[in-house]
PDB file of N, CA and C in Angstrom:
ATOM      1  N   UNK A   1       0.850  -1.172   0.000  1.00  0.00           N
ATOM      2  CA  UNK A   1       0.000   0.000   0.000  1.00  0.00           C
ATOM      3  C   UNK A   1       0.898   1.237   0.000  1.00  0.00           C
ATOM      4  N   UNK A   2       0.534   2.166  -0.825  1.00  0.00           N
ATOM      5  CA  UNK A   2       1.225   3.449  -0.888  1.00  0.00           C
ATOM      6  C   UNK A   2       0.179   4.535  -0.687  1.00  0.00           C
ATOM      7  N   UNK A   3       0.550   5.604   0.006  1.00  0.00           N
ATOM      8  CA  UNK A   3      -0.373   6.708   0.260  1.00  0.00           C
ATOM      9  C   UNK A   3       0.248   7.993  -0.279  1.00  0.00           C
ATOM     10  N   UNK A   4      -0.520   8.684  -1.114  1.00  0.00           N
ATOM     11  CA  UNK A   4      -0.100   9.981  -1.631  1.00  0.00           C
ATOM     12  C   UNK A   4      -1.006  11.046  -1.027  1.00  0.00           C
ATOM     13  N   UNK A   5      -0.405  12.070  -0.472  1.00  0.00           N
ATOM     14  CA  UNK A   5      -1.164  13.193   0.062  1.00  0.00           C
ATOM     15  C   UNK A   5      -1.492  14.116  -1.104  1.00  0.00           C
ATOM     16  N   UNK A   6      -2.772  14.276  -1.377  1.00  0.00           N
ATOM     17  CA  UNK A   6      -3.213  15.145  -2.465  1.00  0.00           C
ATOM     18  C   UNK A   6      -3.519  16.554  -1.969  1.00  0.00           C
ATOM     19  N   UNK A   7      -3.960  16.630  -0.715  1.00  0.00           N
ATOM     20  CA  UNK A   7      -4.303  17.928  -0.131  1.00  0.00           C
ATOM     21  C   UNK A   7      -4.250  17.787   1.385  1.00  0.00           C
ATOM     22  N   UNK A   8      -3.701  18.791   2.044  1.00  0.00           N
ATOM     23  CA  UNK A   8      -3.641  18.762   3.498  1.00  0.00           C
ATOM     24  C   UNK A   8      -3.638  20.188   4.017  1.00  0.00           C
ATOM     25  N   UNK A   9      -4.608  20.500   4.848  1.00  0.00           N
ATOM     26  CA  UNK A   9      -4.605  21.777   5.541  1.00  0.00           C
ATOM     27  C   UNK A   9      -5.153  21.564   6.942  1.00  0.00           C
ATOM     28  N   UNK A  10      -5.458  22.636   7.620  1.00  0.00           N
ATOM     29  CA  UNK A  10      -5.831  22.544   9.033  1.00  0.00           C
ATOM     30  C   UNK A  10      -6.998  21.595   9.295  1.00  0.00           C
ATOM     31  N   UNK A  11      -8.044  21.654   8.507  1.00  0.00           N
ATOM     32  CA  UNK A  11      -9.227  20.864   8.791  1.00  0.00           C
ATOM     33  C   UNK A  11      -9.561  19.795   7.774  1.00  0.00           C
ATOM     34  N   UNK A  12      -8.667  19.574   6.798  1.00  0.00           N
ATOM     35  CA  UNK A  12      -8.994  18.643   5.720  1.00  0.00           C
ATOM     36  C   UNK A  12      -7.751  17.888   5.264  1.00  0.00           C
ATOM     37  N   UNK A  13      -7.965  16.620   4.944  1.00  0.00           N
ATOM     38  CA  UNK A  13      -6.909  15.825   4.344  1.00  0.00           C
ATOM     39  C   UNK A  13      -7.522  14.995   3.220  1.00  0.00           C
ATOM     40  N   UNK A  14      -6.806  14.918   2.111  1.00  0.00           N
ATOM     41  CA  UNK A  14      -7.260  14.165   0.945  1.00  0.00           C
ATOM     42  C   UNK A  14      -6.108  13.267   0.516  1.00  0.00           C
ATOM     43  N   UNK A  15      -6.340  11.951   0.529  1.00  0.00           N
ATOM     44  CA  UNK A  15      -5.302  10.971   0.272  1.00  0.00           C
ATOM     45  C   UNK A  15      -5.675  10.041  -0.866  1.00  0.00           C
ATOM     46  N   UNK A  16      -4.698   9.663  -1.663  1.00  0.00           N
ATOM     47  CA  UNK A  16      -4.872   8.586  -2.633  1.00  0.00           C
ATOM     48  C   UNK A  16      -4.235   7.347  -2.008  1.00  0.00           C
ATOM     49  N   UNK A  17      -5.014   6.289  -1.876  1.00  0.00           N
ATOM     50  CA  UNK A  17      -4.549   5.068  -1.222  1.00  0.00           C
ATOM     51  C   UNK A  17      -4.349   4.012  -2.314  1.00  0.00           C
ATOM     52  N   UNK A  18      -3.125   3.865  -2.732  1.00  0.00           N
ATOM     53  CA  UNK A  18      -2.797   3.006  -3.864  1.00  0.00           C
ATOM     54  C   UNK A  18      -2.757   1.542  -3.420  1.00  0.00           C
ATOM     55  N   UNK A  19      -3.461   0.714  -4.175  1.00  0.00           N
ATOM     56  CA  UNK A  19      -3.458  -0.720  -3.910  1.00  0.00           C
ATOM     57  C   UNK A  19      -4.584  -1.197  -3.007  1.00  0.00           C
ATOM     58  N   UNK A  20      -5.481  -0.313  -2.620  1.00  0.00           N
ATOM     59  CA  UNK A  20      -6.610  -0.714  -1.781  1.00  0.00           C
ATOM     60  C   UNK A  20      -7.909  -0.593  -2.571  1.00  0.00           C
ATOM     61  N   UNK A  21      -8.987  -1.076  -1.960  1.00  0.00           N
ATOM     62  CA  UNK A  21     -10.280  -1.048  -2.635  1.00  0.00           C
ATOM     63  C   UNK A  21     -11.374  -0.670  -1.634  1.00  0.00           C
ATOM     64  N   UNK A  22     -12.588  -0.991  -1.969  1.00  0.00           N
ATOM     65  CA  UNK A  22     -13.730  -0.622  -1.135  1.00  0.00           C
ATOM     66  C   UNK A  22     -13.670  -1.221   0.272  1.00  0.00           C
ATOM     67  N   UNK A  23     -13.048  -2.374   0.429  1.00  0.00           N
ATOM     68  CA  UNK A  23     -13.048  -3.058   1.720  1.00  0.00           C
ATOM     69  C   UNK A  23     -12.478  -2.178   2.824  1.00  0.00           C
ATOM     70  N   UNK A  24     -11.263  -1.720   2.650  1.00  0.00           N
ATOM     71  CA  UNK A  24     -10.628  -0.874   3.661  1.00  0.00           C
ATOM     72  C   UNK A  24     -11.259   0.513   3.708  1.00  0.00           C
ATOM     73  N   UNK A  25     -11.508   1.086   2.553  1.00  0.00           N
ATOM     74  CA  UNK A  25     -12.018   2.455   2.506  1.00  0.00           C
ATOM     75  C   UNK A  25     -13.389   2.579   3.170  1.00  0.00           C
ATOM     76  N   UNK A  26     -14.254   1.621   2.926  1.00  0.00           N
ATOM     77  CA  UNK A  26     -15.586   1.681   3.516  1.00  0.00           C
ATOM     78  C   UNK A  26     -15.516   1.541   5.037  1.00  0.00           C
ATOM     79  N   UNK A  27     -14.649   0.666   5.520  1.00  0.00           N
ATOM     80  CA  UNK A  27     -14.489   0.509   6.973  1.00  0.00           C
ATOM     81  C   UNK A  27     -13.968   1.802   7.603  1.00  0.00           C
ATOM     82  N   UNK A  28     -12.973   2.424   6.975  1.00  0.00           N
ATOM     83  CA  UNK A  28     -12.433   3.688   7.490  1.00  0.00           C
ATOM     84  C   UNK A  28     -13.476   4.800   7.466  1.00  0.00           C
ATOM     85  N   UNK A  29     -14.162   4.901   6.332  1.00  0.00           N
ATOM     86  CA  UNK A  29     -15.187   5.941   6.187  1.00  0.00           C
ATOM     87  C   UNK A  29     -16.228   5.821   7.294  1.00  0.00           C
ATOM     88  N   UNK A  30     -16.696   4.611   7.510  1.00  0.00           N
ATOM     89  CA  UNK A  30     -17.731   4.390   8.514  1.00  0.00           C
ATOM     90  C   UNK A  30     -17.207   4.648   9.934  1.00  0.00           C
ATOM     91  N   UNK A  31     -16.007   4.203  10.228  1.00  0.00           N
ATOM     92  CA  UNK A  31     -15.439   4.395  11.565  1.00  0.00           C
ATOM     93  C   UNK A  31     -15.184   5.869  11.856  1.00  0.00           C
ATOM     94  N   UNK A  32     -14.790   6.625  10.861  1.00  0.00           N
ATOM     95  CA  UNK A  32     -14.576   8.060  11.062  1.00  0.00           C
ATOM     96  C   UNK A  32     -15.854   8.771  11.492  1.00  0.00           C
ATOM     97  N   UNK A  33     -17.003   8.287  11.034  1.00  0.00           N
ATOM     98  CA  UNK A  33     -18.270   8.908  11.413  1.00  0.00           C
ATOM     99  C   UNK A  33     -18.603   8.689  12.890  1.00  0.00           C
ATOM    100  N   UNK A  34     -17.896   7.781  13.570  1.00  0.00           N
ATOM    101  CA  UNK A  34     -18.100   7.594  15.009  1.00  0.00           C
ATOM    102  C   UNK A  34     -17.448   8.700  15.832  1.00  0.00           C
ATOM    103  N   UNK A  35     -16.683   9.547  15.192  1.00  0.00           N
ATOM    104  CA  UNK A  35     -16.056  10.704  15.839  1.00  0.00           C
ATOM    105  C   UNK A  35     -16.979  11.904  15.656  1.00  0.00           C
ATOM    106  N   UNK A  36     -17.432  12.468  16.759  1.00  0.00           N
ATOM    107  CA  UNK A  36     -18.417  13.563  16.702  1.00  0.00           C
ATOM    108  C   UNK A  36     -17.885  14.814  16.004  1.00  0.00           C
ATOM    109  N   UNK A  37     -16.567  14.948  15.889  1.00  0.00           N
ATOM    110  CA  UNK A  37     -15.984  16.127  15.256  1.00  0.00           C
ATOM    111  C   UNK A  37     -15.728  15.945  13.753  1.00  0.00           C
ATOM    112  N   UNK A  38     -16.073  14.768  13.227  1.00  0.00           N
ATOM    113  CA  UNK A  38     -15.924  14.538  11.796  1.00  0.00           C
ATOM    114  C   UNK A  38     -17.033  15.274  11.059  1.00  0.00           C
ATOM    115  N   UNK A  39     -16.640  16.069  10.081  1.00  0.00           N
ATOM    116  CA  UNK A  39     -17.608  16.809   9.272  1.00  0.00           C
ATOM    117  C   UNK A  39     -17.834  16.147   7.924  1.00  0.00           C
ATOM    118  N   UNK A  40     -16.776  15.560   7.356  1.00  0.00           N
ATOM    119  CA  UNK A  40     -16.865  14.836   6.082  1.00  0.00           C
ATOM    120  C   UNK A  40     -15.982  13.606   6.184  1.00  0.00           C
ATOM    121  N   UNK A  41     -16.520  12.490   5.752  1.00  0.00           N
ATOM    122  CA  UNK A  41     -15.749  11.254   5.663  1.00  0.00           C
ATOM    123  C   UNK A  41     -16.278  10.487   4.462  1.00  0.00           C
ATOM    124  N   UNK A  42     -15.468  10.373   3.440  1.00  0.00           N
ATOM    125  CA  UNK A  42     -15.918   9.673   2.254  1.00  0.00           C
ATOM    126  C   UNK A  42     -14.751   9.326   1.355  1.00  0.00           C
ATOM    127  N   UNK A  43     -15.058   8.543   0.350  1.00  0.00           N
ATOM    128  CA  UNK A  43     -14.034   8.177  -0.617  1.00  0.00           C
ATOM    129  C   UNK A  43     -14.698   7.960  -1.961  1.00  0.00           C
ATOM    130  N   UNK A  44     -13.874   7.960  -2.994  1.00  0.00           N
ATOM    131  CA  UNK A  44     -14.379   7.649  -4.332  1.00  0.00           C
ATOM    132  C   UNK A  44     -13.307   6.869  -5.075  1.00  0.00           C
ATOM    133  N   UNK A  45     -13.760   6.041  -5.982  1.00  0.00           N
ATOM    134  CA  UNK A  45     -12.872   5.317  -6.882  1.00  0.00           C
ATOM    135  C   UNK A  45     -13.387   5.610  -8.281  1.00  0.00           C
ATOM    136  N   UNK A  46     -12.593   6.335  -9.065  1.00  0.00           N
ATOM    137  CA  UNK A  46     -13.037   6.777 -10.382  1.00  0.00           C
ATOM    138  C   UNK A  46     -13.353   5.610 -11.313  1.00  0.00           C
ATOM    139  N   UNK A  47     -12.489   4.596 -11.316  1.00  0.00           N
ATOM    140  CA  UNK A  47     -12.703   3.446 -12.192  1.00  0.00           C
ATOM    141  C   UNK A  47     -12.390   2.188 -11.389  1.00  0.00           C
ATOM    142  N   UNK A  48     -13.354   1.300 -11.292  1.00  0.00           N
ATOM    143  CA  UNK A  48     -13.224   0.117 -10.454  1.00  0.00           C
ATOM    144  C   UNK A  48     -12.010  -0.737 -10.787  1.00  0.00           C
ATOM    145  N   UNK A  49     -11.667  -0.871 -12.046  1.00  0.00           N
ATOM    146  CA  UNK A  49     -10.575  -1.759 -12.434  1.00  0.00           C
ATOM    147  C   UNK A  49      -9.194  -1.126 -12.338  1.00  0.00           C
ATOM    148  N   UNK A  50      -9.100   0.159 -12.590  1.00  0.00           N
ATOM    149  CA  UNK A  50      -7.775   0.788 -12.621  1.00  0.00           C
ATOM    150  C   UNK A  50      -7.639   1.981 -11.678  1.00  0.00           C
ATOM    151  N   UNK A  51      -8.688   2.349 -10.991  1.00  0.00           N
ATOM    152  CA  UNK A  51      -8.638   3.526 -10.127  1.00  0.00           C
ATOM    153  C   UNK A  51      -8.183   3.200  -8.721  1.00  0.00           C
ATOM    154  N   UNK A  52      -7.615   4.191  -8.078  1.00  0.00           N
ATOM    155  CA  UNK A  52      -7.240   4.089  -6.668  1.00  0.00           C
ATOM    156  C   UNK A  52      -8.214   4.919  -5.842  1.00  0.00           C
ATOM    157  N   UNK A  53      -8.508   4.466  -4.633  1.00  0.00           N
ATOM    158  CA  UNK A  53      -9.419   5.238  -3.787  1.00  0.00           C
ATOM    159  C   UNK A  53      -8.829   6.591  -3.398  1.00  0.00           C
ATOM    160  N   UNK A  54      -9.684   7.583  -3.384  1.00  0.00           N
ATOM    161  CA  UNK A  54      -9.349   8.913  -2.883  1.00  0.00           C
ATOM    162  C   UNK A  54     -10.177   9.111  -1.622  1.00  0.00           C
ATOM    163  N   UNK A  55      -9.509   9.199  -0.474  1.00  0.00           N
ATOM    164  CA  UNK A  55     -10.167   9.366   0.820  1.00  0.00           C
ATOM    165  C   UNK A  55     -10.145  10.837   1.199  1.00  0.00           C
ATOM    166  N   UNK A  56     -11.295  11.357   1.608  1.00  0.00           N
ATOM    167  CA  UNK A  56     -11.408  12.753   2.029  1.00  0.00           C
ATOM    168  C   UNK A  56     -11.940  12.777   3.455  1.00  0.00           C
ATOM    169  N   UNK A  57     -11.220  13.483   4.324  1.00  0.00           N
ATOM    170  CA  UNK A  57     -11.633  13.627   5.718  1.00  0.00           C
ATOM    171  C   UNK A  57     -11.586  15.103   6.074  1.00  0.00           C
ATOM    172  N   UNK A  58     -12.716  15.623   6.539  1.00  0.00           N
ATOM    173  CA  UNK A  58     -12.763  16.973   7.086  1.00  0.00           C
ATOM    174  C   UNK A  58     -13.159  16.834   8.543  1.00  0.00           C
ATOM    175  N   UNK A  59     -12.416  17.511   9.396  1.00  0.00           N
ATOM    176  CA  UNK A  59     -12.579  17.344  10.836  1.00  0.00           C
ATOM    177  C   UNK A  59     -12.462  18.705  11.515  1.00  0.00           C
ATOM    178  N   UNK A  60     -13.220  18.912  12.571  1.00  0.00           N
ATOM    179  CA  UNK A  60     -13.204  20.206  13.271  1.00  0.00           C
ATOM    180  C   UNK A  60     -11.861  20.504  13.923  1.00  0.00           C
ATOM    181  N   UNK A  61     -11.126  19.454  14.313  1.00  0.00           N
ATOM    182  CA  UNK A  61      -9.868  19.671  15.032  1.00  0.00           C
ATOM    183  C   UNK A  61      -8.657  19.250  14.206  1.00  0.00           C
ATOM    184  N   UNK A  62      -8.488  17.942  13.988  1.00  0.00           N
ATOM    185  CA  UNK A  62      -7.289  17.439  13.321  1.00  0.00           C
ATOM    186  C   UNK A  62      -7.637  16.193  12.506  1.00  0.00           C
ATOM    187  N   UNK A  63      -7.743  16.317  11.186  1.00  0.00           N
ATOM    188  CA  UNK A  63      -8.148  15.175  10.377  1.00  0.00           C
ATOM    189  C   UNK A  63      -7.138  14.015  10.405  1.00  0.00           C
ATOM    190  N   UNK A  64      -5.857  14.323  10.502  1.00  0.00           N
ATOM    191  CA  UNK A  64      -4.855  13.256  10.566  1.00  0.00           C
ATOM    192  C   UNK A  64      -5.013  12.448  11.847  1.00  0.00           C
ATOM    193  N   UNK A  65      -5.176  13.124  12.970  1.00  0.00           N
ATOM    194  CA  UNK A  65      -5.362  12.432  14.248  1.00  0.00           C
ATOM    195  C   UNK A  65      -6.669  11.643  14.240  1.00  0.00           C
ATOM    196  N   UNK A  66      -7.709  12.204  13.656  1.00  0.00           N
ATOM    197  CA  UNK A  66      -8.987  11.497  13.576  1.00  0.00           C
ATOM    198  C   UNK A  66      -8.832  10.210  12.774  1.00  0.00           C
ATOM    199  N   UNK A  67      -8.074  10.266  11.696  1.00  0.00           N
ATOM    200  CA  UNK A  67      -7.839   9.085  10.867  1.00  0.00           C
ATOM    201  C   UNK A  67      -7.023   8.048  11.641  1.00  0.00           C
ATOM    202  N   UNK A  68      -5.983   8.478  12.319  1.00  0.00           N
ATOM    203  CA  UNK A  68      -5.177   7.553  13.121  1.00  0.00           C
ATOM    204  C   UNK A  68      -6.001   6.912  14.237  1.00  0.00           C
ATOM    205  N   UNK A  69      -6.857   7.698  14.884  1.00  0.00           N
ATOM    206  CA  UNK A  69      -7.725   7.153  15.939  1.00  0.00           C
ATOM    207  C   UNK A  69      -8.711   6.134  15.375  1.00  0.00           C
ATOM    208  N   UNK A  70      -9.267   6.421  14.207  1.00  0.00           N
ATOM    209  CA  UNK A  70     -10.208   5.491  13.566  1.00  0.00           C
ATOM    210  C   UNK A  70      -9.502   4.176  13.231  1.00  0.00           C
ATOM    211  N   UNK A  71      -8.275   4.263  12.768  1.00  0.00           N
ATOM    212  CA  UNK A  71      -7.503   3.055  12.454  1.00  0.00           C
ATOM    213  C   UNK A  71      -7.280   2.228  13.719  1.00  0.00           C
ATOM    214  N   UNK A  72      -6.950   2.883  14.814  1.00  0.00           N
ATOM    215  CA  UNK A  72      -6.747   2.159  16.079  1.00  0.00           C
ATOM    216  C   UNK A  72      -8.035   1.482  16.549  1.00  0.00           C
ATOM    217  N   UNK A  73      -9.161   2.157  16.398  1.00  0.00           N
ATOM    218  CA  UNK A  73     -10.445   1.544  16.792  1.00  0.00           C
ATOM    219  C   UNK A  73     -10.751   0.327  15.919  1.00  0.00           C
ATOM    220  N   UNK A  74     -10.462   0.423  14.626  1.00  0.00           N
ATOM    221  CA  UNK A  74     -10.679  -0.714  13.725  1.00  0.00           C
ATOM    222  C   UNK A  74      -9.758  -1.881  14.083  1.00  0.00           C
ATOM    223  N   UNK A  75      -8.519  -1.579  14.437  1.00  0.00           N
ATOM    224  CA  UNK A  75      -7.595  -2.639  14.837  1.00  0.00           C
ATOM    225  C   UNK A  75      -8.116  -3.364  16.077  1.00  0.00           C
ATOM    226  N   UNK A  76      -8.655  -2.609  17.033  1.00  0.00           N
ATOM    227  CA  UNK A  76      -9.206  -3.215  18.248  1.00  0.00           C
ATOM    228  C   UNK A  76     -10.417  -4.080  17.921  1.00  0.00           C
ATOM    229  N   UNK A  77     -11.293  -3.587  17.070  1.00  0.00           N
ATOM    230  CA  UNK A  77     -12.467  -4.373  16.676  1.00  0.00           C
ATOM    231  C   UNK A  77     -12.046  -5.672  15.989  1.00  0.00           C
ATOM    232  N   UNK A  78     -11.048  -5.597  15.118  1.00  0.00           N
ATOM    233  CA  UNK A  78     -10.567  -6.790  14.432  1.00  0.00           C
ATOM    234  C   UNK A  78      -9.949  -7.782  15.415  1.00  0.00           C
ATOM    235  N   UNK A  79      -9.212  -7.275  16.383  1.00  0.00           N
ATOM    236  CA  UNK A  79      -8.603  -8.141  17.397  1.00  0.00           C
ATOM    237  C   UNK A  79      -9.682  -8.832  18.219  1.00  0.00           C
ATOM    238  N   UNK A  80     -10.699  -8.082  18.626  1.00  0.00           N
ATOM    239  CA  UNK A  80     -11.804  -8.666  19.393  1.00  0.00           C
ATOM    240  C   UNK A  80     -12.535  -9.725  18.577  1.00  0.00           C
ATOM    241  N   UNK A  81     -12.773  -9.443  17.307  1.00  0.00           N
ATOM    242  CA  UNK A  81     -13.450 -10.388  16.442  1.00  0.00           C
ATOM    243  C   UNK A  81     -12.633 -11.670  16.283  1.00  0.00           C
ATOM    244  N   UNK A  82     -11.334 -11.513  16.069  1.00  0.00           N
ATOM    245  CA  UNK A  82     -10.450 -12.661  15.927  1.00  0.00           C
ATOM    246  C   UNK A  82     -10.462 -13.518  17.191  1.00  0.00           C
ATOM    247  N   UNK A  83     -10.432 -12.874  18.345  1.00  0.00           N
ATOM    248  CA  UNK A  83     -10.473 -13.588  19.613  1.00  0.00           C
ATOM    249  C   UNK A  83     -11.754 -14.400  19.779  1.00  0.00           C
ATOM    250  N   UNK A  84     -12.879 -13.807  19.402  1.00  0.00           N
ATOM    251  CA  UNK A  84     -14.160 -14.507  19.525  1.00  0.00           C
ATOM    252  C   UNK A  84     -14.251 -15.673  18.545  1.00  0.00           C
ATOM    253  N   UNK A  85     -13.744 -15.492  17.345  1.00  0.00           N
ATOM    254  CA  UNK A  85     -13.766 -16.571  16.359  1.00  0.00           C
ATOM    255  C   UNK A  85     -12.858 -17.720  16.807  1.00  0.00           C
ATOM    256  N   UNK A  86     -11.720 -17.382  17.401  1.00  0.00           N
ATOM    257  CA  UNK A  86     -10.782 -18.406  17.867  1.00  0.00           C
ATOM    258  C   UNK A  86     -11.387 -19.293  18.946  1.00  0.00           C
ATOM    259  N   UNK A  87     -12.326 -18.750  19.700  1.00  0.00           N
ATOM    260  CA  UNK A  87     -12.958 -19.502  20.794  1.00  0.00           C
ATOM    261  C   UNK A  87     -14.059 -20.442  20.309  1.00  0.00           C
ATOM    262  N   UNK A  88     -14.446 -20.361  19.060  1.00  0.00           N
ATOM    263  CA  UNK A  88     -15.506 -21.220  18.538  1.00  0.00           C
ATOM    264  C   UNK A  88     -15.070 -22.659  18.462  1.00  0.00           C
TER     265      UNK A  88
END
């Protein structure tokens, strides 16, 4: 995975996430909405076969920190899920 910063300012970050698809982007987009200070969380893929996702996050405080926090929450959810599946 490679990440290109397309735009970054105080309240907004726009990233191209090379090598990923809807699976990761949709999880991130949804998890970002759990942060009350998130104003925009979305992504687009121009062409399904050859396009890379463009993730856009607008946040009242710090979009980079909001993204990092969302990733940590997703990691915890995945760990919990793995633990429960292992017990089956």
